[in-house]
Amino acid sequence: MVDYVIETTNLSKTYSKDLVVNSIDMHVEKGKIYGLLGKNGAGKTTTMSMLLNLVYPSGGEILLFGKDPRKYSKEIYSRIGSIIETPGFYENLTAYENLKIIAKLRGDYNPLNIELVLEMLNLDKEKTKEFKDFSLGMKQRLALAAAIMHNPELLILDEPINGLDPFGIKEIRDLLKKLSSVYGVTILISSHILSEIENIADVIGFMENGILIEEISKEELYERLDKFVEFEVSDIDLAVELLNKIGFKESIDFTFRKSLGEYIDDVESNGGTDRNSVGGTIHLFSNLDLRDQFNTLFVSSGINVNKVNLCEENLEDFFRRIVSNS
């Protein structure tokens, strides 16, 4: 039986007449990194806020560690660290002083823990700098330090890499992976940056317009990414005509919709040469092993083939595809 740290059933949130989160069923397995992926406004922050009891649901159920957080609030939330936007810190205090106050308010003040997290997040070298002089990246790292200094079992992080440079993003990514793989911390992390979610998550939840469209493991994702052959040709019309004649109409994809109607979805017009031809790019999604024969067919018919690539759909394309099909 799968051990879920977070499980929701028909979780919904309505503001006035706007349905912001629409009956989502989320399953975050113990020890995994779950990436909640969606554009800004998709409902990610509202979902996390409901999990943290910052926003009251309009409907549905939440289980954290298998228990109802409304009945076991103190026990459950002491086991969770979180970032929902940038938390408030005292402007005239240092990183250590801010964390000390937070720890004392929680009742778990331990100087060694504070020193450790400041070192983990490269804030230990700025001991005298006050919060008002922090860069945005430093503020984000201090927020993460506050979230992990009490050794939580679950981290809920809303866009934690905002404001970080590439080096800082890698540091946070490596830290979160270590917390998950070495210490068994379960992590729910949201982002609109597809590449970052792809780099860090074991499971990805795709969210759009308040709907959790699908939850998929990284392994299954890679299996479901479309593979295709890309031909860059000098005469797009003749190439399409040849493919139609041999029965490949339903397997080709172009960038603008013209003569092939529903089948045209991916042609980049880039000028032409003879016979008033227009060059472009063809994506062929079936019979990939026949690409050499297609290339020979094009060349023998007077078409210049400038490029032949065996390609794979990226996460952004996959996201667009499942959103459009939902």
Protein backbone atom coordinates (compact mmCIF):
# COMPACT_ATOMS: atom_id res chain seq x y z
CA MET A 1 0.00 0.00 0.00
CA VAL A 2 1.34 3.43 -0.96
CA ASP A 3 2.09 5.73 1.98
CA TYR A 4 0.83 9.21 1.08
CA VAL A 5 1.97 12.18 3.15
CA ILE A 6 -0.49 14.45 1.32
CA GLU A 7 -3.80 13.23 -0.05
CA THR A 8 -6.73 15.36 -1.16
CA THR A 9 -10.17 14.40 -2.40
CA ASN A 10 -12.28 16.83 -4.46
CA LEU A 11 -10.42 19.77 -2.90
CA SER A 12 -11.93 23.03 -4.10
CA LYS A 13 -11.77 26.75 -3.43
CA THR A 14 -14.16 29.42 -4.62
CA TYR A 15 -13.67 33.17 -4.20
CA SER A 16 -17.01 34.91 -4.77
CA LYS A 17 -18.10 33.19 -7.99
CA ASP A 18 -14.61 32.28 -9.19
CA LEU A 19 -13.66 28.61 -8.90
CA VAL A 20 -9.92 28.89 -8.27
CA VAL A 21 -9.25 25.26 -7.38
CA ASN A 22 -11.58 22.72 -8.94
CA SER A 23 -12.06 19.35 -7.19
CA ILE A 24 -8.45 18.19 -7.24
CA ASP A 25 -7.28 14.76 -6.08
CA MET A 26 -3.60 15.03 -5.14
CA HIS A 27 -1.34 12.20 -3.99
CA VAL A 28 2.13 13.00 -2.62
CA GLU A 29 4.04 9.87 -1.67
CA LYS A 30 6.32 9.72 1.36
CA GLY A 31 9.95 10.57 0.61
CA LYS A 32 9.25 11.82 -2.93
CA ILE A 33 9.65 15.24 -4.51
CA TYR A 34 6.33 16.21 -6.09
CA GLY A 35 6.48 19.09 -8.56
CA LEU A 36 3.27 21.05 -9.00
CA LEU A 37 3.60 22.61 -12.42
CA GLY A 38 1.40 25.30 -13.89
CA LYS A 39 1.32 28.84 -15.21
CA ASN A 40 0.90 31.78 -12.86
CA GLY A 41 -2.75 31.83 -11.80
CA ALA A 42 -3.24 28.08 -12.27
CA GLY A 43 -4.20 27.61 -8.60
CA LYS A 44 -0.91 26.31 -7.20
CA THR A 45 -0.54 28.84 -4.36
CA THR A 46 -4.18 28.51 -3.32
CA THR A 47 -3.81 24.73 -3.19
CA MET A 48 -0.72 24.96 -1.00
CA SER A 49 -2.37 27.56 1.22
CA MET A 50 -5.27 25.18 1.83
CA LEU A 51 -2.86 22.38 2.73
CA LEU A 52 -1.23 24.70 5.28
CA ASN A 53 -4.57 25.86 6.73
CA LEU A 54 -3.91 29.43 5.57
CA VAL A 55 -6.97 29.32 3.32
CA TYR A 56 -10.13 27.42 4.21
CA PRO A 57 -11.36 25.04 1.48
CA SER A 58 -14.78 25.52 -0.06
CA GLY A 59 -15.13 21.77 -0.43
CA GLY A 60 -13.33 18.45 -0.35
CA GLU A 61 -11.00 16.74 2.11
CA ILE A 62 -7.33 16.94 3.08
CA LEU A 63 -5.27 14.25 4.78
CA LEU A 64 -1.72 15.00 5.97
CA PHE A 65 0.29 12.05 7.26
CA GLY A 66 -2.97 10.12 6.98
CA LYS A 67 -4.82 12.38 9.41
CA ASP A 68 -7.34 15.20 9.23
CA PRO A 69 -5.34 18.40 9.93
CA ARG A 70 -8.43 20.06 11.40
CA LYS A 71 -8.47 17.49 14.20
CA TYR A 72 -4.72 17.12 14.71
CA SER A 73 -3.54 20.62 13.83
CA LYS A 74 -0.72 21.09 16.35
CA GLU A 75 0.72 17.62 15.86
CA ILE A 76 0.62 17.78 12.07
CA TYR A 77 1.84 21.31 11.37
CA SER A 78 4.83 20.94 13.70
CA ARG A 79 6.08 18.33 11.22
CA ILE A 80 5.86 20.69 8.22
CA GLY A 81 8.12 23.45 6.91
CA SER A 82 6.87 25.85 4.27
CA ILE A 83 7.39 28.85 2.06
CA ILE A 84 4.31 30.62 0.77
CA GLU A 85 5.64 33.78 -0.83
CA THR A 86 8.48 35.45 1.11
CA PRO A 87 7.82 35.36 4.87
CA GLY A 88 8.15 38.49 6.96
CA PHE A 89 11.49 39.07 8.64
CA TYR A 90 12.70 41.92 10.85
CA GLU A 91 14.44 44.44 8.62
CA ASN A 92 17.04 45.55 11.17
CA LEU A 93 18.10 42.05 12.30
CA THR A 94 20.63 39.62 10.86
CA ALA A 95 19.80 36.21 9.44
CA TYR A 96 20.80 34.50 12.69
CA GLU A 97 18.77 36.91 14.82
CA ASN A 98 15.68 36.44 12.65
CA LEU A 99 15.92 32.65 12.79
CA LYS A 100 16.48 32.76 16.55
CA ILE A 101 13.20 34.65 17.06
CA ILE A 102 11.29 32.23 14.80
CA ALA A 103 12.74 29.22 16.63
CA LYS A 104 11.87 30.62 20.04
CA LEU A 105 8.30 31.34 18.92
CA ARG A 106 8.04 27.72 17.76
CA GLY A 107 9.50 26.49 21.03
CA ASP A 108 12.37 24.63 19.37
CA TYR A 109 15.32 27.02 19.67
CA ASN A 110 18.64 25.27 19.06
CA PRO A 111 21.68 27.42 18.18
CA LEU A 112 23.40 24.53 16.43
CA ASN A 113 20.43 24.03 14.09
CA ILE A 114 20.50 27.70 13.12
CA GLU A 115 24.25 27.64 12.45
CA LEU A 116 23.82 24.50 10.37
CA VAL A 117 21.08 25.80 8.10
CA LEU A 118 22.86 29.14 7.62
CA GLU A 119 25.93 27.22 6.49
CA MET A 120 23.87 24.91 4.23
CA LEU A 121 22.38 27.94 2.49
CA ASN A 122 25.59 29.99 2.31
CA LEU A 123 24.31 32.66 4.67
CA ASP A 124 26.92 32.04 7.37
CA LYS A 125 29.41 34.44 5.77
CA GLU A 126 27.00 37.39 6.09
CA LYS A 127 26.73 37.35 9.88
CA THR A 128 26.51 41.11 10.38
CA LYS A 129 24.40 42.05 7.35
CA GLU A 130 20.87 43.14 8.23
CA PHE A 131 17.85 41.77 6.38
CA LYS A 132 17.07 45.13 4.77
CA ASP A 133 20.37 44.88 2.90
CA PHE A 134 19.75 41.36 1.60
CA SER A 135 19.40 40.66 -2.10
CA LEU A 136 16.21 38.93 -3.26
CA GLY A 137 18.16 35.69 -3.57
CA MET A 138 19.43 35.96 0.01
CA LYS A 139 15.88 36.58 1.22
CA GLN A 140 14.70 33.43 -0.55
CA ARG A 141 17.52 31.40 1.00
CA LEU A 142 16.70 32.74 4.45
CA ALA A 143 13.07 31.76 3.93
CA LEU A 144 14.17 28.23 3.11
CA ALA A 145 16.45 28.20 6.17
CA ALA A 146 13.45 29.10 8.35
CA ALA A 147 11.44 26.31 6.72
CA ILE A 148 13.98 23.54 7.36
CA MET A 149 15.71 24.46 10.63
CA HIS A 150 13.31 22.38 12.76
CA ASN A 151 13.96 19.26 10.65
CA PRO A 152 10.47 18.89 9.15
CA GLU A 153 9.21 15.66 7.58
CA LEU A 154 7.31 17.56 4.89
CA LEU A 155 8.26 20.70 2.99
CA ILE A 156 5.67 22.73 1.07
CA LEU A 157 7.47 25.28 -1.09
CA ASP A 158 5.75 27.75 -3.39
CA GLU A 159 8.14 29.03 -6.09
CA PRO A 160 11.24 28.79 -3.82
CA ILE A 161 13.75 29.64 -6.57
CA ASN A 162 12.29 33.05 -7.42
CA GLY A 163 15.03 35.66 -7.51
CA LEU A 164 17.91 33.19 -7.53
CA ASP A 165 20.69 33.21 -10.09
CA PRO A 166 21.61 29.94 -11.86
CA PHE A 167 24.23 29.11 -9.22
CA GLY A 168 21.73 29.72 -6.42
CA ILE A 169 19.08 27.63 -8.20
CA LYS A 170 21.52 24.70 -8.44
CA GLU A 171 22.37 25.04 -4.73
CA ILE A 172 18.69 24.88 -3.74
CA ARG A 173 18.03 22.01 -6.14
CA ASP A 174 20.94 19.99 -4.73
CA LEU A 175 19.86 20.70 -1.16
CA LEU A 176 16.26 19.62 -1.77
CA LYS A 177 17.38 16.44 -3.52
CA LYS A 178 19.64 15.66 -0.56
CA LEU A 179 16.85 16.30 1.95
CA SER A 180 14.66 13.87 0.01
CA SER A 181 17.15 11.11 -0.82
CA VAL A 182 19.28 11.14 2.34
CA TYR A 183 16.87 12.29 5.05
CA GLY A 184 13.58 11.05 3.59
CA VAL A 185 11.90 14.47 3.61
CA THR A 186 8.78 14.64 1.45
CA ILE A 187 8.70 17.78 -0.70
CA LEU A 188 5.85 19.48 -2.52
CA ILE A 189 7.30 22.23 -4.69
CA SER A 190 5.48 24.47 -7.14
CA SER A 191 6.89 26.34 -10.10
CA HIS A 192 5.98 27.76 -13.49
CA ILE A 193 9.54 26.98 -14.66
CA LEU A 194 9.17 23.67 -16.48
CA SER A 195 12.85 22.84 -16.74
CA GLU A 196 13.37 23.19 -12.99
CA ILE A 197 10.46 20.91 -12.13
CA GLU A 198 11.77 18.39 -14.65
CA ASN A 199 15.22 18.53 -13.02
CA ILE A 200 14.08 17.99 -9.46
CA ALA A 201 10.74 16.17 -9.27
CA ASP A 202 10.06 12.43 -8.94
CA VAL A 203 6.38 13.02 -9.72
CA ILE A 204 4.84 15.94 -11.62
CA GLY A 205 1.31 17.25 -11.21
CA PHE A 206 0.14 19.35 -14.16
CA MET A 207 -2.25 22.13 -13.13
CA GLU A 208 -4.26 24.46 -15.37
CA ASN A 209 -7.17 26.77 -14.55
CA GLY A 210 -7.61 25.26 -11.10
CA ILE A 211 -7.71 21.68 -12.38
CA LEU A 212 -5.09 19.04 -11.60
CA ILE A 213 -5.01 17.53 -15.08
CA GLU A 214 -2.70 14.63 -14.39
CA GLU A 215 -0.10 13.23 -11.97
CA ILE A 216 2.74 11.38 -13.65
CA SER A 217 6.06 9.91 -12.54
CA LYS A 218 9.28 11.04 -14.18
CA GLU A 219 9.78 7.57 -15.64
CA GLU A 220 6.31 7.49 -17.18
CA LEU A 221 6.76 11.03 -18.49
CA TYR A 222 9.84 10.07 -20.49
CA GLU A 223 8.02 7.06 -21.91
CA ARG A 224 5.11 9.25 -23.06
CA LEU A 225 7.11 12.03 -24.69
CA ASP A 226 6.48 11.98 -28.43
CA LYS A 227 9.41 11.05 -30.65
CA PHE A 228 9.57 12.42 -34.18
CA VAL A 229 11.82 12.94 -37.17
CA GLU A 230 12.40 16.52 -38.25
CA PHE A 231 13.12 17.24 -41.91
CA GLU A 232 14.14 20.73 -43.01
CA VAL A 233 13.27 20.87 -46.71
CA SER A 234 13.44 23.39 -49.54
CA ASP A 235 9.95 22.65 -50.93
CA ILE A 236 7.36 22.06 -48.23
CA ASP A 237 4.39 21.68 -50.61
CA LEU A 238 6.05 19.00 -52.72
CA ALA A 239 7.28 17.14 -49.62
CA VAL A 240 3.74 17.10 -48.17
CA GLU A 241 2.33 15.95 -51.50
CA LEU A 242 4.77 13.04 -51.64
CA LEU A 243 4.00 11.99 -48.08
CA ASN A 244 0.26 12.14 -48.80
CA LYS A 245 0.67 9.91 -51.86
CA ILE A 246 2.35 7.17 -49.81
CA GLY A 247 -0.22 7.37 -47.02
CA PHE A 248 1.44 9.43 -44.27
CA LYS A 249 -1.05 12.27 -44.07
CA GLU A 250 -2.06 11.48 -40.48
CA SER A 251 1.51 11.24 -39.23
CA ILE A 252 2.83 14.64 -40.21
CA ASP A 253 2.67 17.87 -38.33
CA PHE A 254 3.33 21.48 -39.45
CA THR A 255 3.35 25.04 -38.10
CA PHE A 256 0.55 26.71 -40.06
CA ARG A 257 -2.82 25.36 -41.10
CA LYS A 258 -3.40 25.43 -44.85
CA SER A 259 -3.88 22.66 -47.38
CA LEU A 260 -3.92 19.77 -44.89
CA GLY A 261 -6.45 21.32 -42.52
CA GLU A 262 -6.48 19.46 -39.20
CA TYR A 263 -3.21 17.67 -39.91
CA ILE A 264 -1.14 20.81 -40.39
CA ASP A 265 0.27 22.11 -37.14
CA ASP A 266 3.99 22.87 -37.38
CA VAL A 267 5.50 24.58 -40.52
CA GLU A 268 8.04 27.39 -40.27
CA SER A 269 7.96 29.22 -43.60
CA ASN A 270 11.46 30.38 -44.49
CA GLY A 271 11.40 31.33 -48.16
CA GLY A 272 11.87 29.07 -51.16
CA THR A 273 13.86 28.26 -54.26
CA ASP A 274 12.58 26.99 -57.63
CA ARG A 275 8.97 26.13 -58.75
CA ASN A 276 7.75 28.89 -56.42
CA SER A 277 8.48 26.51 -53.58
CA VAL A 278 8.48 27.42 -49.92
CA GLY A 279 10.93 25.80 -47.53
CA GLY A 280 9.98 24.62 -44.09
CA THR A 281 10.16 21.94 -41.45
CA ILE A 282 8.25 18.66 -41.36
CA HIS A 283 7.73 16.63 -38.19
CA LEU A 284 6.98 12.98 -38.86
CA PHE A 285 5.56 11.06 -35.88
CA SER A 286 5.35 7.49 -37.21
CA ASN A 287 7.64 5.01 -38.99
CA LEU A 288 10.69 6.80 -37.64
CA ASP A 289 12.91 3.93 -38.79
CA LEU A 290 12.05 4.82 -42.40
CA ARG A 291 13.61 8.28 -42.21
CA ASP A 292 16.44 7.33 -44.60
CA GLN A 293 13.92 6.21 -47.21
CA PHE A 294 11.94 9.45 -46.79
CA ASN A 295 15.15 11.41 -47.21
CA THR A 296 15.94 9.48 -50.43
CA LEU A 297 12.39 10.10 -51.69
CA PHE A 298 12.69 13.86 -51.12
CA VAL A 299 16.14 14.15 -52.72
CA SER A 300 15.19 12.01 -55.76
CA SER A 301 12.18 14.31 -56.27
CA GLY A 302 14.35 17.41 -56.44
CA ILE A 303 13.87 18.58 -52.87
CA ASN A 304 16.91 19.80 -50.96
CA VAL A 305 17.00 18.28 -47.46
CA ASN A 306 19.05 20.61 -45.29
CA LYS A 307 18.60 18.77 -42.01
CA VAL A 308 17.31 15.43 -40.67
CA ASN A 309 17.03 15.12 -36.88
CA LEU A 310 15.61 12.42 -34.62
CA CYS A 311 13.94 14.48 -31.88
CA GLU A 312 11.96 14.09 -28.67
CA GLU A 313 9.16 16.28 -27.35
CA ASN A 314 10.22 18.44 -24.40
CA LEU A 315 8.28 18.97 -21.17
CA GLU A 316 6.85 22.27 -22.41
CA ASP A 317 5.42 20.62 -25.52
CA PHE A 318 4.04 17.73 -23.45
CA PHE A 319 2.40 20.19 -21.04
CA ARG A 320 0.78 22.08 -23.93
CA ARG A 321 -0.43 18.82 -25.42
CA ILE A 322 -2.11 17.47 -22.29
CA VAL A 323 -3.63 20.88 -21.51
CA SER A 324 -5.11 21.14 -25.00
CA ASN A 325 -6.48 17.60 -24.73
CA SER A 326 -8.01 18.07 -21.28
